[in-house]
Amino acid sequence: MSSSAAGQADAAGGTGEGGGLGATGRRLGLVLGPAIAIGLQLAGAPEGLSVHAWWVVSIMALIGGDKRLVEAHESAVKAAWGWAEKELAASRKTVGGETVESKTGNMVMGLMTHALTREGDPGLHTHGVVMNVTQRDDGEWRAMESLRLWKFNRTVSLIYQSELAKNVVDLGYNIRSND
């Protein structure tokens, strides 16, 4: 697999970067103790090819020292971009004078994981840079049809959020709705 990270998410109001919505669209929070819950909300449509761990995950991983949360983030990144690579990578092919999309299932991508925001605050996130090239099933390297990637950028981001939530729960943390 040559894939990895999608969709920039940002939360407002001092909750830091990242966020999470359940399948019902309700806000989620990570429970840190019996009476402490931090709410997170995924802001509008993603603007870039990056994913941000929820602010509280960044704090617990980078300041609290729970490195398992970094692994949970990395696993979620791989799951999201694995799906994108398999389902979205395509090129165009001309067959009988008609140009059609041809699904390729592969991307050339680089990933960069950072621990800090631009302001120097804890903010675990991964940027993905996708090259405009894919290999078709006939072995030819061609330009990638990138519109599919942008059209489903939000889906990739939600897959990341879902995988991160599952991974965090598997580590023994609790997630609950703040609604």
Foldseek 3Di string as FASTA:
>chain_A
DQWFFFFFWQFDDPQGGAFAADPVRFWKWWDPDDPDTRTGHTDDGGDARKHWDGPVLLCCVPVVVPVLLVVLLRVLGCQLTQCCLQPPWWDWDADPNDIDIARASHWHKDKDWDQADPVGHGITMMGMDTDQWGAHPVRDIDGTPCVSCSVCRVVSRNSSNVSSQVSVVVVPIDMDGPD
